[in-house]
Amino acid sequence: EALFQDAHVALPTRLVESSSQVLIRELLL
């Protein structure tokens, strides 16, 4: 959040929340 707020840019809105390493990897791939 700080990455965008510090640049005065609106946060991306199409977010998936997860801490699962497996799910993150599959979504990225």
PDB file of all heavy atoms in Angstrom:
ATOM      1  N   GLU A   1       0.822  -1.211   0.000  1.00  0.00           N
ATOM      2  CA  GLU A   1       0.000   0.000   0.000  1.00  0.00           C
ATOM      3  C   GLU A   1       0.852   1.255   0.000  1.00  0.00           C
ATOM      4  O   GLU A   1       0.534   2.246  -0.675  1.00  0.00           O
ATOM      5  CB  GLU A   1      -0.946  -0.037   1.212  1.00  0.00           C
ATOM      6  CG  GLU A   1      -1.978  -1.160   1.109  1.00  0.00           C
ATOM      7  CD  GLU A   1      -2.861  -1.279   2.341  1.00  0.00           C
ATOM      8  OE1 GLU A   1      -2.590  -0.567   3.335  1.00  0.00           O
ATOM      9  OE2 GLU A   1      -3.815  -2.082   2.313  1.00  0.00           O
ATOM     10  N   ALA A   2       1.978   1.223   0.750  1.00  0.00           N
ATOM     11  CA  ALA A   2       2.861   2.391   0.804  1.00  0.00           C
ATOM     12  C   ALA A   2       3.501   2.671  -0.549  1.00  0.00           C
ATOM     13  O   ALA A   2       3.762   3.834  -0.902  1.00  0.00           O
ATOM     14  CB  ALA A   2       3.949   2.165   1.855  1.00  0.00           C
ATOM     15  N   LEU A   3       3.751   1.617  -1.343  1.00  0.00           N
ATOM     16  CA  LEU A   3       4.364   1.777  -2.662  1.00  0.00           C
ATOM     17  C   LEU A   3       3.538   2.739  -3.523  1.00  0.00           C
ATOM     18  O   LEU A   3       4.085   3.612  -4.209  1.00  0.00           O
ATOM     19  CB  LEU A   3       4.465   0.407  -3.331  1.00  0.00           C
ATOM     20  CG  LEU A   3       4.936   0.348  -4.785  1.00  0.00           C
ATOM     21  CD1 LEU A   3       6.371   0.858  -4.903  1.00  0.00           C
ATOM     22  CD2 LEU A   3       4.839  -1.074  -5.326  1.00  0.00           C
ATOM     23  N   PHE A   4       2.220   2.615  -3.475  1.00  0.00           N
ATOM     24  CA  PHE A   4       1.341   3.458  -4.288  1.00  0.00           C
ATOM     25  C   PHE A   4       1.014   4.777  -3.588  1.00  0.00           C
ATOM     26  O   PHE A   4       0.974   5.839  -4.220  1.00  0.00           O
ATOM     27  CB  PHE A   4       0.066   2.690  -4.623  1.00  0.00           C
ATOM     28  CG  PHE A   4       0.325   1.466  -5.468  1.00  0.00           C
ATOM     29  CD1 PHE A   4       0.501   0.226  -4.883  1.00  0.00           C
ATOM     30  CD2 PHE A   4       0.437   1.571  -6.845  1.00  0.00           C
ATOM     31  CE1 PHE A   4       0.764  -0.895  -5.653  1.00  0.00           C
ATOM     32  CE2 PHE A   4       0.703   0.458  -7.631  1.00  0.00           C
ATOM     33  CZ  PHE A   4       0.876  -0.779  -7.033  1.00  0.00           C
ATOM     34  N   GLN A   5       0.799   4.708  -2.279  1.00  0.00           N
ATOM     35  CA  GLN A   5       0.454   5.918  -1.545  1.00  0.00           C
ATOM     36  C   GLN A   5       1.587   6.936  -1.571  1.00  0.00           C
ATOM     37  O   GLN A   5       1.345   8.142  -1.729  1.00  0.00           O
ATOM     38  CB  GLN A   5       0.081   5.558  -0.102  1.00  0.00           C
ATOM     39  CG  GLN A   5      -1.229   4.786   0.008  1.00  0.00           C
ATOM     40  CD  GLN A   5      -1.445   4.171   1.368  1.00  0.00           C
ATOM     41  OE1 GLN A   5      -0.545   4.166   2.223  1.00  0.00           O
ATOM     42  NE2 GLN A   5      -2.637   3.610   1.607  1.00  0.00           N
ATOM     43  N   ASP A   6       2.831   6.468  -1.449  1.00  0.00           N
ATOM     44  CA  ASP A   6       3.978   7.379  -1.459  1.00  0.00           C
ATOM     45  C   ASP A   6       4.145   8.063  -2.818  1.00  0.00           C
ATOM     46  O   ASP A   6       4.709   9.150  -2.911  1.00  0.00           O
ATOM     47  CB  ASP A   6       5.270   6.627  -1.094  1.00  0.00           C
ATOM     48  CG  ASP A   6       5.285   6.166   0.355  1.00  0.00           C
ATOM     49  OD1 ASP A   6       4.409   6.616   1.120  1.00  0.00           O
ATOM     50  OD2 ASP A   6       6.155   5.344   0.713  1.00  0.00           O
ATOM     51  N   ALA A   7       3.672   7.382  -3.866  1.00  0.00           N
ATOM     52  CA  ALA A   7       3.761   7.962  -5.215  1.00  0.00           C
ATOM     53  C   ALA A   7       2.482   8.730  -5.578  1.00  0.00           C
ATOM     54  O   ALA A   7       2.356   9.224  -6.708  1.00  0.00           O
ATOM     55  CB  ALA A   7       3.994   6.854  -6.241  1.00  0.00           C
ATOM     56  N   HIS A   8       1.555   8.829  -4.584  1.00  0.00           N
ATOM     57  CA  HIS A   8       0.280   9.525  -4.792  1.00  0.00           C
ATOM     58  C   HIS A   8      -0.495   8.936  -5.974  1.00  0.00           C
ATOM     59  O   HIS A   8      -1.070   9.656  -6.790  1.00  0.00           O
ATOM     60  CB  HIS A   8       0.510  11.025  -4.998  1.00  0.00           C
ATOM     61  CG  HIS A   8       1.286  11.661  -3.891  1.00  0.00           C
ATOM     62  ND1 HIS A   8       0.770  11.852  -2.627  1.00  0.00           N
ATOM     63  CD2 HIS A   8       2.575  12.122  -3.855  1.00  0.00           C
ATOM     64  CE1 HIS A   8       1.691  12.422  -1.849  1.00  0.00           C
ATOM     65  NE2 HIS A   8       2.800  12.585  -2.570  1.00  0.00           N
ATOM     66  N   VAL A   9      -0.472   7.591  -6.029  1.00  0.00           N
ATOM     67  CA  VAL A   9      -1.168   6.864  -7.089  1.00  0.00           C
ATOM     68  C   VAL A   9      -2.221   5.967  -6.422  1.00  0.00           C
ATOM     69  O   VAL A   9      -1.963   5.358  -5.376  1.00  0.00           O
ATOM     70  CB  VAL A   9      -0.182   6.004  -7.907  1.00  0.00           C
ATOM     71  CG1 VAL A   9      -0.927   5.098  -8.880  1.00  0.00           C
ATOM     72  CG2 VAL A   9       0.813   6.890  -8.639  1.00  0.00           C
ATOM     73  N   ALA A  10      -3.394   5.897  -7.025  1.00  0.00           N
ATOM     74  CA  ALA A  10      -4.462   5.070  -6.459  1.00  0.00           C
ATOM     75  C   ALA A  10      -4.057   3.605  -6.434  1.00  0.00           C
ATOM     76  O   ALA A  10      -3.406   3.099  -7.358  1.00  0.00           O
ATOM     77  CB  ALA A  10      -5.745   5.239  -7.278  1.00  0.00           C
ATOM     78  N   LEU A  11      -4.464   2.906  -5.382  1.00  0.00           N
ATOM     79  CA  LEU A  11      -4.138   1.488  -5.242  1.00  0.00           C
ATOM     80  C   LEU A  11      -4.819   0.662  -6.329  1.00  0.00           C
ATOM     81  O   LEU A  11      -5.953   0.978  -6.720  1.00  0.00           O
ATOM     82  CB  LEU A  11      -4.593   0.966  -3.878  1.00  0.00           C
ATOM     83  CG  LEU A  11      -3.846   1.439  -2.631  1.00  0.00           C
ATOM     84  CD1 LEU A  11      -4.593   0.971  -1.392  1.00  0.00           C
ATOM     85  CD2 LEU A  11      -2.436   0.886  -2.627  1.00  0.00           C
ATOM     86  N   PRO A  12      -4.170  -0.379  -6.823  1.00  0.00           N
ATOM     87  CA  PRO A  12      -4.846  -1.308  -7.740  1.00  0.00           C
ATOM     88  C   PRO A  12      -6.090  -1.882  -7.046  1.00  0.00           C
ATOM     89  O   PRO A  12      -6.108  -2.061  -5.821  1.00  0.00           O
ATOM     90  CB  PRO A  12      -3.797  -2.397  -7.995  1.00  0.00           C
ATOM     91  CG  PRO A  12      -2.494  -1.740  -7.694  1.00  0.00           C
ATOM     92  CD  PRO A  12      -2.770  -0.759  -6.593  1.00  0.00           C
ATOM     93  N   THR A  13      -7.112  -2.174  -7.804  1.00  0.00           N
ATOM     94  CA  THR A  13      -8.369  -2.644  -7.212  1.00  0.00           C
ATOM     95  C   THR A  13      -8.647  -4.117  -7.448  1.00  0.00           C
ATOM     96  O   THR A  13      -9.438  -4.718  -6.741  1.00  0.00           O
ATOM     97  CB  THR A  13      -9.547  -1.824  -7.775  1.00  0.00           C
ATOM     98  OG1 THR A  13      -9.534  -1.922  -9.210  1.00  0.00           O
ATOM     99  CG2 THR A  13      -9.446  -0.365  -7.355  1.00  0.00           C
ATOM    100  N   ARG A  14      -8.027  -4.743  -8.450  1.00  0.00           N
ATOM    101  CA  ARG A  14      -8.313  -6.144  -8.765  1.00  0.00           C
ATOM    102  C   ARG A  14      -7.370  -7.042  -7.951  1.00  0.00           C
ATOM    103  O   ARG A  14      -6.380  -7.551  -8.455  1.00  0.00           O
ATOM    104  CB  ARG A  14      -8.147  -6.382 -10.262  1.00  0.00           C
ATOM    105  CG  ARG A  14      -9.199  -5.659 -11.111  1.00  0.00           C
ATOM    106  CD  ARG A  14      -8.817  -5.699 -12.578  1.00  0.00           C
ATOM    107  NE  ARG A  14      -7.616  -4.928 -12.846  1.00  0.00           N
ATOM    108  CZ  ARG A  14      -6.862  -5.083 -13.933  1.00  0.00           C
ATOM    109  NH1 ARG A  14      -7.163  -6.019 -14.824  1.00  0.00           N
ATOM    110  NH2 ARG A  14      -5.792  -4.324 -14.115  1.00  0.00           N
ATOM    111  N   LEU A  15      -7.710  -7.180  -6.677  1.00  0.00           N
ATOM    112  CA  LEU A  15      -6.806  -7.871  -5.755  1.00  0.00           C
ATOM    113  C   LEU A  15      -7.345  -9.238  -5.354  1.00  0.00           C
ATOM    114  O   LEU A  15      -8.550  -9.408  -5.147  1.00  0.00           O
ATOM    115  CB  LEU A  15      -6.604  -7.033  -4.483  1.00  0.00           C
ATOM    116  CG  LEU A  15      -6.092  -5.606  -4.656  1.00  0.00           C
ATOM    117  CD1 LEU A  15      -5.958  -4.951  -3.281  1.00  0.00           C
ATOM    118  CD2 LEU A  15      -4.764  -5.579  -5.404  1.00  0.00           C
ATOM    119  N   VAL A  16      -6.437 -10.185  -5.236  1.00  0.00           N
ATOM    120  CA  VAL A  16      -6.720 -11.462  -4.573  1.00  0.00           C
ATOM    121  C   VAL A  16      -5.872 -11.488  -3.320  1.00  0.00           C
ATOM    122  O   VAL A  16      -4.658 -11.273  -3.384  1.00  0.00           O
ATOM    123  CB  VAL A  16      -6.365 -12.665  -5.474  1.00  0.00           C
ATOM    124  CG1 VAL A  16      -6.460 -13.968  -4.677  1.00  0.00           C
ATOM    125  CG2 VAL A  16      -7.288 -12.717  -6.684  1.00  0.00           C
ATOM    126  N   GLU A  17      -6.488 -11.720  -2.167  1.00  0.00           N
ATOM    127  CA  GLU A  17      -5.752 -11.790  -0.902  1.00  0.00           C
ATOM    128  C   GLU A  17      -5.440 -13.233  -0.576  1.00  0.00           C
ATOM    129  O   GLU A  17      -6.343 -14.067  -0.498  1.00  0.00           O
ATOM    130  CB  GLU A  17      -6.574 -11.194   0.241  1.00  0.00           C
ATOM    131  CG  GLU A  17      -6.561  -9.691   0.295  1.00  0.00           C
ATOM    132  CD  GLU A  17      -7.150  -9.165   1.602  1.00  0.00           C
ATOM    133  OE1 GLU A  17      -7.341  -9.986   2.533  1.00  0.00           O
ATOM    134  OE2 GLU A  17      -7.424  -7.965   1.690  1.00  0.00           O
ATOM    135  N   SER A  18      -4.170 -13.542  -0.363  1.00  0.00           N
ATOM    136  CA  SER A  18      -3.787 -14.898   0.027  1.00  0.00           C
ATOM    137  C   SER A  18      -2.351 -14.904   0.529  1.00  0.00           C
ATOM    138  O   SER A  18      -1.505 -14.148   0.044  1.00  0.00           O
ATOM    139  CB  SER A  18      -3.906 -15.861  -1.159  1.00  0.00           C
ATOM    140  OG  SER A  18      -3.467 -17.158  -0.779  1.00  0.00           O
ATOM    141  N   SER A  19      -2.096 -15.764   1.496  1.00  0.00           N
ATOM    142  CA  SER A  19      -0.733 -15.982   1.966  1.00  0.00           C
ATOM    143  C   SER A  19      -0.225 -17.356   1.534  1.00  0.00           C
ATOM    144  O   SER A  19       0.870 -17.769   1.919  1.00  0.00           O
ATOM    145  CB  SER A  19      -0.676 -15.878   3.494  1.00  0.00           C
ATOM    146  OG  SER A  19      -1.510 -16.859   4.081  1.00  0.00           O
ATOM    147  N   SER A  20      -1.024 -18.055   0.733  1.00  0.00           N
ATOM    148  CA  SER A  20      -0.652 -19.397   0.282  1.00  0.00           C
ATOM    149  C   SER A  20       0.380 -19.316  -0.834  1.00  0.00           C
ATOM    150  O   SER A  20       0.104 -18.779  -1.911  1.00  0.00           O
ATOM    151  CB  SER A  20      -1.884 -20.152  -0.216  1.00  0.00           C
ATOM    152  OG  SER A  20      -1.500 -21.312  -0.929  1.00  0.00           O
ATOM    153  N   GLN A  21       1.556 -19.850  -0.569  1.00  0.00           N
ATOM    154  CA  GLN A  21       2.630 -19.839  -1.558  1.00  0.00           C
ATOM    155  C   GLN A  21       2.211 -20.572  -2.836  1.00  0.00           C
ATOM    156  O   GLN A  21       2.500 -20.133  -3.945  1.00  0.00           O
ATOM    157  CB  GLN A  21       3.867 -20.517  -0.960  1.00  0.00           C
ATOM    158  CG  GLN A  21       5.128 -20.373  -1.782  1.00  0.00           C
ATOM    159  CD  GLN A  21       5.900 -19.118  -1.421  1.00  0.00           C
ATOM    160  OE1 GLN A  21       5.645 -18.502  -0.400  1.00  0.00           O
ATOM    161  NE2 GLN A  21       6.832 -18.742  -2.264  1.00  0.00           N
ATOM    162  N   VAL A  22       1.506 -21.679  -2.672  1.00  0.00           N
ATOM    163  CA  VAL A  22       1.085 -22.475  -3.827  1.00  0.00           C
ATOM    164  C   VAL A  22       0.082 -21.705  -4.678  1.00  0.00           C
ATOM    165  O   VAL A  22       0.198 -21.635  -5.906  1.00  0.00           O
ATOM    166  CB  VAL A  22       0.470 -23.816  -3.370  1.00  0.00           C
ATOM    167  CG1 VAL A  22      -0.097 -24.579  -4.553  1.00  0.00           C
ATOM    168  CG2 VAL A  22       1.519 -24.659  -2.643  1.00  0.00           C
ATOM    169  N   LEU A  23      -0.913 -21.088  -4.033  1.00  0.00           N
ATOM    170  CA  LEU A  23      -1.923 -20.336  -4.777  1.00  0.00           C
ATOM    171  C   LEU A  23      -1.315 -19.133  -5.479  1.00  0.00           C
ATOM    172  O   LEU A  23      -1.621 -18.855  -6.647  1.00  0.00           O
ATOM    173  CB  LEU A  23      -3.046 -19.893  -3.836  1.00  0.00           C
ATOM    174  CG  LEU A  23      -4.172 -19.072  -4.490  1.00  0.00           C
ATOM    175  CD1 LEU A  23      -4.852 -19.879  -5.579  1.00  0.00           C
ATOM    176  CD2 LEU A  23      -5.172 -18.602  -3.438  1.00  0.00           C
ATOM    177  N   ILE A  24      -0.432 -18.414  -4.783  1.00  0.00           N
ATOM    178  CA  ILE A  24       0.217 -17.245  -5.384  1.00  0.00           C
ATOM    179  C   ILE A  24       0.972 -17.662  -6.643  1.00  0.00           C
ATOM    180  O   ILE A  24       0.857 -17.031  -7.699  1.00  0.00           O
ATOM    181  CB  ILE A  24       1.165 -16.571  -4.372  1.00  0.00           C
ATOM    182  CG1 ILE A  24       0.360 -15.936  -3.231  1.00  0.00           C
ATOM    183  CG2 ILE A  24       2.035 -15.511  -5.061  1.00  0.00           C
ATOM    184  CD1 ILE A  24       1.217 -15.436  -2.087  1.00  0.00           C
ATOM    185  N   ARG A  25       1.747 -18.727  -6.532  1.00  0.00           N
ATOM    186  CA  ARG A  25       2.534 -19.180  -7.681  1.00  0.00           C
ATOM    187  C   ARG A  25       1.635 -19.525  -8.865  1.00  0.00           C
ATOM    188  O   ARG A  25       1.912 -19.128 -10.006  1.00  0.00           O
ATOM    189  CB  ARG A  25       3.372 -20.397  -7.289  1.00  0.00           C
ATOM    190  CG  ARG A  25       4.274 -20.900  -8.412  1.00  0.00           C
ATOM    191  CD  ARG A  25       4.953 -22.199  -8.013  1.00  0.00           C
ATOM    192  NE  ARG A  25       3.968 -23.260  -7.818  1.00  0.00           N
ATOM    193  CZ  ARG A  25       4.245 -24.445  -7.267  1.00  0.00           C
ATOM    194  NH1 ARG A  25       5.470 -24.695  -6.830  1.00  0.00           N
ATOM    195  NH2 ARG A  25       3.305 -25.360  -7.142  1.00  0.00           N
ATOM    196  N   GLU A  26       0.559 -20.263  -8.609  1.00  0.00           N
ATOM    197  CA  GLU A  26      -0.320 -20.683  -9.700  1.00  0.00           C
ATOM    198  C   GLU A  26      -1.024 -19.501 -10.353  1.00  0.00           C
ATOM    199  O   GLU A  26      -1.189 -19.456 -11.580  1.00  0.00           O
ATOM    200  CB  GLU A  26      -1.346 -21.707  -9.185  1.00  0.00           C
ATOM    201  CG  GLU A  26      -0.734 -23.026  -8.758  1.00  0.00           C
ATOM    202  CD  GLU A  26       0.111 -23.663  -9.840  1.00  0.00           C
ATOM    203  OE1 GLU A  26      -0.364 -23.766 -10.989  1.00  0.00           O
ATOM    204  OE2 GLU A  26       1.260 -24.048  -9.546  1.00  0.00           O
ATOM    205  N   LEU A  27      -1.439 -18.529  -9.555  1.00  0.00           N
ATOM    206  CA  LEU A  27      -2.083 -17.339 -10.114  1.00  0.00           C
ATOM    207  C   LEU A  27      -1.119 -16.538 -10.985  1.00  0.00           C
ATOM    208  O   LEU A  27      -1.505 -16.021 -12.044  1.00  0.00           O
ATOM    209  CB  LEU A  27      -2.636 -16.458  -8.992  1.00  0.00           C
ATOM    210  CG  LEU A  27      -3.867 -16.999  -8.246  1.00  0.00           C
ATOM    211  CD1 LEU A  27      -4.198 -16.118  -7.050  1.00  0.00           C
ATOM    212  CD2 LEU A  27      -5.067 -17.086  -9.181  1.00  0.00           C
ATOM    213  N   LEU A  28       0.139 -16.459 -10.545  1.00  0.00           N
ATOM    214  CA  LEU A  28       1.135 -15.727 -11.334  1.00  0.00           C
ATOM    215  C   LEU A  28       1.449 -16.456 -12.634  1.00  0.00           C
ATOM    216  O   LEU A  28       1.583 -15.841 -13.701  1.00  0.00           O
ATOM    217  CB  LEU A  28       2.423 -15.536 -10.524  1.00  0.00           C
ATOM    218  CG  LEU A  28       2.338 -14.686  -9.257  1.00  0.00           C
ATOM    219  CD1 LEU A  28       3.728 -14.516  -8.651  1.00  0.00           C
ATOM    220  CD2 LEU A  28       1.706 -13.329  -9.512  1.00  0.00           C
ATOM    221  N   LEU A  29       1.578 -17.775 -12.552  1.00  0.00           N
ATOM    222  CA  LEU A  29       1.941 -18.556 -13.748  1.00  0.00           C
ATOM    223  C   LEU A  29       0.861 -18.524 -14.823  1.00  0.00           C
ATOM    224  O   LEU A  29       1.163 -18.579 -16.018  1.00  0.00           O
ATOM    225  CB  LEU A  29       2.223 -20.012 -13.355  1.00  0.00           C
ATOM    226  CG  LEU A  29       3.486 -20.278 -12.535  1.00  0.00           C
ATOM    227  CD1 LEU A  29       3.553 -21.740 -12.123  1.00  0.00           C
ATOM    228  CD2 LEU A  29       4.731 -19.901 -13.322  1.00  0.00           C
TER     229      LEU A  29
END
